[in-house]
Amino acid sequence: MITLKVDGPVAEVVLDAPDKLNALSLDAVGELDAAYAEAEASGVRALVLRGEGRAFCAGRDIAGVDPATDDVAGYLGAVEALMRRMAAFPAPTFAAVQGACLGVGLGLAIATDVVYVAETAKVGSPFANLGAMLDSGGHALLYERLGAHRALDLIYTGDLLSGAEAVAAGLFSRSMPTGELLEFTRERAARAAAGPTQAFLASKRLIDRLRDERLWRVVAEENRGQAELRGTADYREGFAAFQAKRKPDFTGS
């Protein structure tokens, strides 16, 4: 599911479940956390995160999850711990995002220093179809970059932004054709690894302090809210509809 490759000063962490659009189960979240720990221990000077196949990460893997017994708080707690490890990684980090970047996948991007996206990537909040709420820091990103009105528009409608639109809106750094994405990201990571990484880390720590108070407070509130929503009929209906590949019938309860 998760692979780690170290090539000289650069580590490459790969989400490798293309048949699931790299959606993450709780076990996969643990594997990803372990991959970052191993990369940190190797002393690399830059890191690339990417997804295999046609998606970066479509979010949580809810195949087979029973919403009646789902430990969503435990899952999101593990995601928060992973995001904190990613954000604190002691070297410049880069993500190459193609296809779906949703839910937890969006959280992985939020926790990465620099994000390059394919022009046709899909970014946003699909939770309107699940009876659940956006999580993994998504509220902080959308509100900070888009403002309240557009953030809530995306949340209420479930509409997704293309990679090009996401960059134009200031969510991420650059967009480009899918075929150029990985080579470009690898080149930028290699350039950073050959640069003054201690100076880069000083800037990274400063940026982290500027954003962290809001980000982690929002993540904690999202986790509490998602756990509360687990008890609603719409949450159960959203999961059942997704698993059955049908349109949900929400009642507002």
C-alpha atoms as a PDB file:
ATOM      1  CA  MET A   1       0.000   0.000   0.000  1.00  0.00           C
ATOM      2  CA  ILE A   2       2.743   2.463   0.988  1.00  0.00           C
ATOM      3  CA  THR A   3       6.266   2.287  -0.390  1.00  0.00           C
ATOM      4  CA  LEU A   4       9.359   4.303   0.432  1.00  0.00           C
ATOM      5  CA  LYS A   5      12.264   4.803  -1.947  1.00  0.00           C
ATOM      6  CA  VAL A   6      15.429   6.652  -0.945  1.00  0.00           C
ATOM      7  CA  ASP A   7      17.614   7.880  -3.792  1.00  0.00           C
ATOM      8  CA  GLY A   8      20.582   9.725  -2.359  1.00  0.00           C
ATOM      9  CA  PRO A   9      19.351  12.862  -0.573  1.00  0.00           C
ATOM     10  CA  VAL A  10      15.724  12.540  -1.696  1.00  0.00           C
ATOM     11  CA  ALA A  11      13.036  10.207  -0.353  1.00  0.00           C
ATOM     12  CA  GLU A  12       9.939   9.318  -2.360  1.00  0.00           C
ATOM     13  CA  VAL A  13       6.865   8.099  -0.508  1.00  0.00           C
ATOM     14  CA  VAL A  14       4.299   6.424  -2.766  1.00  0.00           C
ATOM     15  CA  LEU A  15       0.625   5.729  -2.099  1.00  0.00           C
ATOM     16  CA  ASP A  16       0.400   2.466  -4.016  1.00  0.00           C
ATOM     17  CA  ALA A  17      -3.206   1.251  -4.132  1.00  0.00           C
ATOM     18  CA  PRO A  18      -4.334   2.544  -7.533  1.00  0.00           C
ATOM     19  CA  ASP A  19      -7.309   0.163  -7.642  1.00  0.00           C
ATOM     20  CA  LYS A  20      -8.725   2.057  -4.627  1.00  0.00           C
ATOM     21  CA  LEU A  21      -7.643   5.482  -5.912  1.00  0.00           C
ATOM     22  CA  ASN A  22      -5.134   5.339  -3.038  1.00  0.00           C
ATOM     23  CA  ALA A  23      -7.894   5.723  -0.430  1.00  0.00           C
ATOM     24  CA  LEU A  24      -6.461   5.159   3.045  1.00  0.00           C
ATOM     25  CA  SER A  25      -7.619   2.627   5.610  1.00  0.00           C
ATOM     26  CA  LEU A  26      -6.524   2.954   9.235  1.00  0.00           C
ATOM     27  CA  ASP A  27      -3.745   0.420   8.575  1.00  0.00           C
ATOM     28  CA  ALA A  28      -2.571   2.450   5.575  1.00  0.00           C
ATOM     29  CA  VAL A  29      -2.456   5.612   7.680  1.00  0.00           C
ATOM     30  CA  GLY A  30      -0.158   3.735  10.071  1.00  0.00           C
ATOM     31  CA  GLU A  31       2.016   2.537   7.184  1.00  0.00           C
ATOM     32  CA  LEU A  32       2.314   6.081   5.869  1.00  0.00           C
ATOM     33  CA  ASP A  33       3.284   7.372   9.307  1.00  0.00           C
ATOM     34  CA  ALA A  34       5.950   4.666   9.529  1.00  0.00           C
ATOM     35  CA  ALA A  35       7.269   5.569   6.065  1.00  0.00           C
ATOM     36  CA  TYR A  36       7.761   9.184   7.126  1.00  0.00           C
ATOM     37  CA  ALA A  37       9.495   8.064  10.310  1.00  0.00           C
ATOM     38  CA  GLU A  38      11.834   5.847   8.272  1.00  0.00           C
ATOM     39  CA  ALA A  39      12.524   8.641   5.791  1.00  0.00           C
ATOM     40  CA  GLU A  40      13.322  11.008   8.644  1.00  0.00           C
ATOM     41  CA  ALA A  41      15.697   8.473  10.196  1.00  0.00           C
ATOM     42  CA  SER A  42      17.529   8.105   6.867  1.00  0.00           C
ATOM     43  CA  GLY A  43      18.572  11.754   7.004  1.00  0.00           C
ATOM     44  CA  VAL A  44      17.299  12.751   3.555  1.00  0.00           C
ATOM     45  CA  ARG A  45      17.357  16.421   2.572  1.00  0.00           C
ATOM     46  CA  ALA A  46      14.019  16.474   0.691  1.00  0.00           C
ATOM     47  CA  LEU A  47      10.925  14.294   0.266  1.00  0.00           C
ATOM     48  CA  VAL A  48       8.391  13.719  -2.510  1.00  0.00           C
ATOM     49  CA  LEU A  49       4.899  12.347  -1.829  1.00  0.00           C
ATOM     50  CA  ARG A  50       2.911  10.962  -4.750  1.00  0.00           C
ATOM     51  CA  GLY A  51       0.104   8.550  -5.600  1.00  0.00           C
ATOM     52  CA  GLU A  52       0.332   5.684  -8.077  1.00  0.00           C
ATOM     53  CA  GLY A  53      -2.224   5.522 -10.873  1.00  0.00           C
ATOM     54  CA  ARG A  54      -4.882   8.040 -11.823  1.00  0.00           C
ATOM     55  CA  ALA A  55      -5.448   9.561  -8.369  1.00  0.00           C
ATOM     56  CA  PHE A  56      -3.365  11.086  -5.619  1.00  0.00           C
ATOM     57  CA  CYS A  57      -5.681  10.047  -2.771  1.00  0.00           C
ATOM     58  CA  ALA A  58      -9.477   9.855  -2.858  1.00  0.00           C
ATOM     59  CA  GLY A  59      -9.716  10.084   0.944  1.00  0.00           C
ATOM     60  CA  ARG A  60     -10.632   7.484   3.524  1.00  0.00           C
ATOM     61  CA  ASP A  61     -11.188   3.896   2.447  1.00  0.00           C
ATOM     62  CA  ILE A  62     -14.701   3.214   3.757  1.00  0.00           C
ATOM     63  CA  ALA A  63     -15.272  -0.041   1.907  1.00  0.00           C
ATOM     64  CA  GLY A  64     -16.784  -2.407   4.424  1.00  0.00           C
ATOM     65  CA  VAL A  65     -16.964   0.200   7.196  1.00  0.00           C
ATOM     66  CA  ASP A  66     -20.138  -0.064   9.295  1.00  0.00           C
ATOM     67  CA  PRO A  67     -21.105   3.478  10.367  1.00  0.00           C
ATOM     68  CA  ALA A  68     -22.932   2.067  13.401  1.00  0.00           C
ATOM     69  CA  THR A  69     -19.670   0.792  14.876  1.00  0.00           C
ATOM     70  CA  ASP A  70     -17.180   2.998  13.049  1.00  0.00           C
ATOM     71  CA  ASP A  71     -14.465   4.442  15.294  1.00  0.00           C
ATOM     72  CA  VAL A  72     -14.220   7.617  13.249  1.00  0.00           C
ATOM     73  CA  ALA A  73     -12.614   9.481  16.169  1.00  0.00           C
ATOM     74  CA  GLY A  74      -9.823   6.908  16.335  1.00  0.00           C
ATOM     75  CA  TYR A  75      -9.285   7.066  12.591  1.00  0.00           C
ATOM     76  CA  LEU A  76      -9.148  10.856  12.478  1.00  0.00           C
ATOM     77  CA  GLY A  77      -6.896  10.906  15.532  1.00  0.00           C
ATOM     78  CA  ALA A  78      -4.420   8.753  13.608  1.00  0.00           C
ATOM     79  CA  VAL A  79      -4.730  11.067  10.596  1.00  0.00           C
ATOM     80  CA  GLU A  80      -4.025  14.110  12.775  1.00  0.00           C
ATOM     81  CA  ALA A  81      -0.912  12.439  14.215  1.00  0.00           C
ATOM     82  CA  LEU A  82       0.238  11.613  10.673  1.00  0.00           C
ATOM     83  CA  MET A  83      -0.354  15.174   9.471  1.00  0.00           C
ATOM     84  CA  ARG A  84       1.606  16.565  12.396  1.00  0.00           C
ATOM     85  CA  ARG A  85       4.527  14.245  11.588  1.00  0.00           C
ATOM     86  CA  MET A  86       4.386  15.266   7.926  1.00  0.00           C
ATOM     87  CA  ALA A  87       4.253  18.978   8.714  1.00  0.00           C
ATOM     88  CA  ALA A  88       7.229  18.680  11.093  1.00  0.00           C
ATOM     89  CA  PHE A  89       9.375  16.611   8.690  1.00  0.00           C
ATOM     90  CA  PRO A  90      12.928  18.023   9.032  1.00  0.00           C
ATOM     91  CA  ALA A  91      13.475  18.663   5.316  1.00  0.00           C
ATOM     92  CA  PRO A  92      11.575  20.358   2.477  1.00  0.00           C
ATOM     93  CA  THR A  93       8.609  18.251   1.321  1.00  0.00           C
ATOM     94  CA  PHE A  94       6.828  18.255  -2.041  1.00  0.00           C
ATOM     95  CA  ALA A  95       3.630  16.574  -3.266  1.00  0.00           C
ATOM     96  CA  ALA A  96       2.717  15.661  -6.843  1.00  0.00           C
ATOM     97  CA  VAL A  97      -1.093  15.618  -7.027  1.00  0.00           C
ATOM     98  CA  GLN A  98      -3.017  14.138  -9.938  1.00  0.00           C
ATOM     99  CA  GLY A  99      -6.644  13.061 -10.123  1.00  0.00           C
ATOM    100  CA  ALA A 100      -8.647  12.983  -6.890  1.00  0.00           C
ATOM    101  CA  CYS A 101      -7.294  14.868  -3.868  1.00  0.00           C
ATOM    102  CA  LEU A 102     -10.194  14.606  -1.427  1.00  0.00           C
ATOM    103  CA  GLY A 103     -10.806  14.260   2.307  1.00  0.00           C
ATOM    104  CA  VAL A 104      -7.742  12.720   3.916  1.00  0.00           C
ATOM    105  CA  GLY A 105      -5.946  13.176   0.597  1.00  0.00           C
ATOM    106  CA  LEU A 106      -6.499  16.903   0.896  1.00  0.00           C
ATOM    107  CA  GLY A 107      -5.136  16.678   4.433  1.00  0.00           C
ATOM    108  CA  LEU A 108      -1.940  15.077   3.139  1.00  0.00           C
ATOM    109  CA  ALA A 109      -1.530  17.990   0.742  1.00  0.00           C
ATOM    110  CA  ILE A 110      -2.184  20.522   3.527  1.00  0.00           C
ATOM    111  CA  ALA A 111       0.572  18.913   5.623  1.00  0.00           C
ATOM    112  CA  THR A 112       3.105  19.104   2.753  1.00  0.00           C
ATOM    113  CA  ASP A 113       5.316  22.162   2.250  1.00  0.00           C
ATOM    114  CA  VAL A 114       4.881  22.595  -1.521  1.00  0.00           C
ATOM    115  CA  VAL A 115       2.103  21.076  -3.638  1.00  0.00           C
ATOM    116  CA  TYR A 116       2.188  20.845  -7.427  1.00  0.00           C
ATOM    117  CA  VAL A 117      -1.011  19.672  -9.116  1.00  0.00           C
ATOM    118  CA  ALA A 118      -2.071  18.384 -12.481  1.00  0.00           C
ATOM    119  CA  GLU A 119      -4.339  20.835 -14.275  1.00  0.00           C
ATOM    120  CA  THR A 120      -7.069  18.188 -14.297  1.00  0.00           C
ATOM    121  CA  ALA A 121      -6.753  17.180 -10.623  1.00  0.00           C
ATOM    122  CA  LYS A 122      -9.962  17.261  -8.554  1.00  0.00           C
ATOM    123  CA  VAL A 123      -9.860  19.064  -5.211  1.00  0.00           C
ATOM    124  CA  GLY A 124     -12.589  19.821  -2.709  1.00  0.00           C
ATOM    125  CA  SER A 125     -15.160  18.421  -0.301  1.00  0.00           C
ATOM    126  CA  PRO A 126     -17.282  15.470  -1.487  1.00  0.00           C
ATOM    127  CA  PHE A 127     -18.829  15.018   1.957  1.00  0.00           C
ATOM    128  CA  ALA A 128     -22.216  16.386   0.893  1.00  0.00           C
ATOM    129  CA  ASN A 129     -22.790  12.900  -0.548  1.00  0.00           C
ATOM    130  CA  LEU A 130     -21.805  11.136   2.680  1.00  0.00           C
ATOM    131  CA  GLY A 131     -23.773  12.915   5.365  1.00  0.00           C
ATOM    132  CA  ALA A 132     -20.447  13.753   6.974  1.00  0.00           C
ATOM    133  CA  MET A 133     -18.289  16.873   7.274  1.00  0.00           C
ATOM    134  CA  LEU A 134     -15.056  17.919   5.642  1.00  0.00           C
ATOM    135  CA  ASP A 135     -12.101  16.878   7.798  1.00  0.00           C
ATOM    136  CA  SER A 136      -8.275  16.663   7.848  1.00  0.00           C
ATOM    137  CA  GLY A 137      -7.824  20.446   7.979  1.00  0.00           C
ATOM    138  CA  GLY A 138      -9.964  21.168   4.935  1.00  0.00           C
ATOM    139  CA  HIS A 139     -12.022  23.872   6.647  1.00  0.00           C
ATOM    140  CA  ALA A 140      -8.877  25.800   7.546  1.00  0.00           C
ATOM    141  CA  LEU A 141      -7.522  25.631   3.989  1.00  0.00           C
ATOM    142  CA  LEU A 142     -10.742  26.583   2.219  1.00  0.00           C
ATOM    143  CA  TYR A 143     -11.654  29.391   4.615  1.00  0.00           C
ATOM    144  CA  GLU A 144      -8.159  30.865   4.654  1.00  0.00           C
ATOM    145  CA  ARG A 145      -7.693  30.823   0.879  1.00  0.00           C
ATOM    146  CA  LEU A 146     -11.263  31.209  -0.451  1.00  0.00           C
ATOM    147  CA  GLY A 147     -13.179  33.021   2.272  1.00  0.00           C
ATOM    148  CA  ALA A 148     -16.369  31.937   4.021  1.00  0.00           C
ATOM    149  CA  HIS A 149     -18.791  32.217   1.099  1.00  0.00           C
ATOM    150  CA  ARG A 150     -16.853  30.182  -1.439  1.00  0.00           C
ATOM    151  CA  ALA A 151     -15.716  27.653   1.169  1.00  0.00           C
ATOM    152  CA  LEU A 152     -19.311  26.963   2.181  1.00  0.00           C
ATOM    153  CA  ASP A 153     -20.422  26.924  -1.458  1.00  0.00           C
ATOM    154  CA  LEU A 154     -17.989  24.071  -2.142  1.00  0.00           C
ATOM    155  CA  ILE A 155     -18.990  22.267   1.072  1.00  0.00           C
ATOM    156  CA  TYR A 156     -22.746  22.565   0.474  1.00  0.00           C
ATOM    157  CA  THR A 157     -22.630  21.580  -3.204  1.00  0.00           C
ATOM    158  CA  GLY A 158     -19.847  19.012  -3.204  1.00  0.00           C
ATOM    159  CA  ASP A 159     -18.513  20.703  -6.348  1.00  0.00           C
ATOM    160  CA  LEU A 160     -14.826  20.110  -6.983  1.00  0.00           C
ATOM    161  CA  LEU A 161     -12.135  22.470  -8.249  1.00  0.00           C
ATOM    162  CA  SER A 162      -9.792  21.440 -11.029  1.00  0.00           C
ATOM    163  CA  GLY A 163      -6.090  21.619 -10.281  1.00  0.00           C
ATOM    164  CA  ALA A 164      -5.804  24.735 -12.428  1.00  0.00           C
ATOM    165  CA  GLU A 165      -8.696  26.378 -10.553  1.00  0.00           C
ATOM    166  CA  ALA A 166      -7.216  25.397  -7.188  1.00  0.00           C
ATOM    167  CA  VAL A 167      -3.916  27.055  -8.057  1.00  0.00           C
ATOM    168  CA  ALA A 168      -5.661  30.163  -9.415  1.00  0.00           C
ATOM    169  CA  ALA A 169      -7.541  30.385  -6.097  1.00  0.00           C
ATOM    170  CA  GLY A 170      -4.285  30.156  -4.138  1.00  0.00           C
ATOM    171  CA  LEU A 171      -4.783  26.693  -2.648  1.00  0.00           C
ATOM    172  CA  PHE A 172      -1.569  25.232  -4.058  1.00  0.00           C
ATOM    173  CA  SER A 173       1.652  26.318  -5.730  1.00  0.00           C
ATOM    174  CA  ARG A 174       1.581  25.443  -9.459  1.00  0.00           C
ATOM    175  CA  SER A 175      -0.447  23.448 -11.948  1.00  0.00           C
ATOM    176  CA  MET A 176       0.729  21.766 -15.132  1.00  0.00           C
ATOM    177  CA  PRO A 177      -0.163  18.976 -17.568  1.00  0.00           C
ATOM    178  CA  THR A 178      -0.318  15.567 -15.897  1.00  0.00           C
ATOM    179  CA  GLY A 179       2.526  14.216 -18.016  1.00  0.00           C
ATOM    180  CA  GLU A 180       4.925  16.871 -16.700  1.00  0.00           C
ATOM    181  CA  LEU A 181       3.933  16.706 -13.035  1.00  0.00           C
ATOM    182  CA  LEU A 182       6.137  13.993 -11.549  1.00  0.00           C
ATOM    183  CA  GLU A 183       9.324  14.968 -13.363  1.00  0.00           C
ATOM    184  CA  PHE A 184       8.813  18.609 -12.370  1.00  0.00           C
ATOM    185  CA  THR A 185       8.191  17.700  -8.718  1.00  0.00           C
ATOM    186  CA  ARG A 186      11.214  15.420  -8.559  1.00  0.00           C
ATOM    187  CA  GLU A 187      13.419  18.113 -10.107  1.00  0.00           C
ATOM    188  CA  ARG A 188      12.258  20.691  -7.563  1.00  0.00           C
ATOM    189  CA  ALA A 189      12.859  18.289  -4.679  1.00  0.00           C
ATOM    190  CA  ALA A 190      16.356  17.504  -5.960  1.00  0.00           C
ATOM    191  CA  ARG A 191      17.072  21.228  -6.272  1.00  0.00           C
ATOM    192  CA  ALA A 192      15.931  21.825  -2.686  1.00  0.00           C
ATOM    193  CA  ALA A 193      18.020  18.884  -1.432  1.00  0.00           C
ATOM    194  CA  ALA A 194      21.103  20.452  -3.014  1.00  0.00           C
ATOM    195  CA  GLY A 195      20.368  23.828  -1.443  1.00  0.00           C
ATOM    196  CA  PRO A 196      20.865  25.401   2.017  1.00  0.00           C
ATOM    197  CA  THR A 197      18.418  23.128   3.790  1.00  0.00           C
ATOM    198  CA  GLN A 198      19.101  24.579   7.243  1.00  0.00           C
ATOM    199  CA  ALA A 199      17.993  27.986   5.953  1.00  0.00           C
ATOM    200  CA  PHE A 200      14.959  26.351   4.334  1.00  0.00           C
ATOM    201  CA  LEU A 201      14.053  24.683   7.624  1.00  0.00           C
ATOM    202  CA  ALA A 202      14.314  27.993   9.484  1.00  0.00           C
ATOM    203  CA  SER A 203      11.718  29.415   7.087  1.00  0.00           C
ATOM    204  CA  LYS A 204       9.606  26.261   7.368  1.00  0.00           C
ATOM    205  CA  ARG A 205       9.527  26.519  11.163  1.00  0.00           C
ATOM    206  CA  LEU A 206       8.457  30.159  10.945  1.00  0.00           C
ATOM    207  CA  ILE A 207       5.679  29.431   8.445  1.00  0.00           C
ATOM    208  CA  ASP A 208       4.536  26.519  10.624  1.00  0.00           C
ATOM    209  CA  ARG A 209       4.236  28.790  13.665  1.00  0.00           C
ATOM    210  CA  LEU A 210       2.206  31.298  11.662  1.00  0.00           C
ATOM    211  CA  ARG A 211      -0.337  28.719  10.497  1.00  0.00           C
ATOM    212  CA  ASP A 212      -0.332  26.010  13.155  1.00  0.00           C
ATOM    213  CA  GLU A 213      -2.535  27.600  15.806  1.00  0.00           C
ATOM    214  CA  ARG A 214      -5.519  27.799  13.446  1.00  0.00           C
ATOM    215  CA  LEU A 215      -4.849  24.569  11.545  1.00  0.00           C
ATOM    216  CA  TRP A 216      -4.587  22.202  14.495  1.00  0.00           C
ATOM    217  CA  ARG A 217      -7.450  23.853  16.379  1.00  0.00           C
ATOM    218  CA  VAL A 218      -9.651  23.326  13.312  1.00  0.00           C
ATOM    219  CA  VAL A 219      -8.483  19.720  12.881  1.00  0.00           C
ATOM    220  CA  ALA A 220      -9.432  18.946  16.493  1.00  0.00           C
ATOM    221  CA  GLU A 221     -12.869  20.537  16.030  1.00  0.00           C
ATOM    222  CA  GLU A 222     -13.404  18.602  12.770  1.00  0.00           C
ATOM    223  CA  ASN A 223     -12.590  15.369  14.585  1.00  0.00           C
ATOM    224  CA  ARG A 224     -15.147  16.120  17.315  1.00  0.00           C
ATOM    225  CA  GLY A 225     -17.779  17.118  14.771  1.00  0.00           C
ATOM    226  CA  GLN A 226     -17.286  14.017  12.654  1.00  0.00           C
ATOM    227  CA  ALA A 227     -17.611  11.801  15.730  1.00  0.00           C
ATOM    228  CA  GLU A 228     -20.900  13.508  16.626  1.00  0.00           C
ATOM    229  CA  LEU A 229     -22.263  13.162  13.081  1.00  0.00           C
ATOM    230  CA  ARG A 230     -21.625   9.408  13.202  1.00  0.00           C
ATOM    231  CA  GLY A 231     -24.810   9.105  15.269  1.00  0.00           C
ATOM    232  CA  THR A 232     -27.067  10.721  12.654  1.00  0.00           C
ATOM    233  CA  ALA A 233     -29.334   8.911  10.230  1.00  0.00           C
ATOM    234  CA  ASP A 234     -27.887  10.864   7.304  1.00  0.00           C
ATOM    235  CA  TYR A 235     -24.350   9.683   8.144  1.00  0.00           C
ATOM    236  CA  ARG A 236     -25.507   6.076   8.094  1.00  0.00           C
ATOM    237  CA  GLU A 237     -27.445   6.639   4.866  1.00  0.00           C
ATOM    238  CA  GLY A 238     -24.496   8.358   3.207  1.00  0.00           C
ATOM    239  CA  PHE A 239     -22.170   5.456   3.950  1.00  0.00           C
ATOM    240  CA  ALA A 240     -24.730   2.868   2.841  1.00  0.00           C
ATOM    241  CA  ALA A 241     -25.402   4.733  -0.412  1.00  0.00           C
ATOM    242  CA  PHE A 242     -21.696   5.118  -1.178  1.00  0.00           C
ATOM    243  CA  GLN A 243     -21.020   1.443  -0.558  1.00  0.00           C
ATOM    244  CA  ALA A 244     -24.030   0.430  -2.682  1.00  0.00           C
ATOM    245  CA  LYS A 245     -23.083   2.956  -5.398  1.00  0.00           C
ATOM    246  CA  ARG A 246     -26.482   4.648  -5.311  1.00  0.00           C
ATOM    247  CA  LYS A 247     -27.751   8.151  -4.674  1.00  0.00           C
ATOM    248  CA  PRO A 248     -28.326   8.870  -0.966  1.00  0.00           C
ATOM    249  CA  ASP A 249     -31.751   9.781   0.375  1.00  0.00           C
ATOM    250  CA  PHE A 250     -31.096  12.306   3.158  1.00  0.00           C
ATOM    251  CA  THR A 251     -33.766  13.336   5.657  1.00  0.00           C
ATOM    252  CA  GLY A 252     -31.906  15.953   7.672  1.00  0.00           C
ATOM    253  CA  SER A 253     -31.856  13.750  10.752  1.00  0.00           C
END
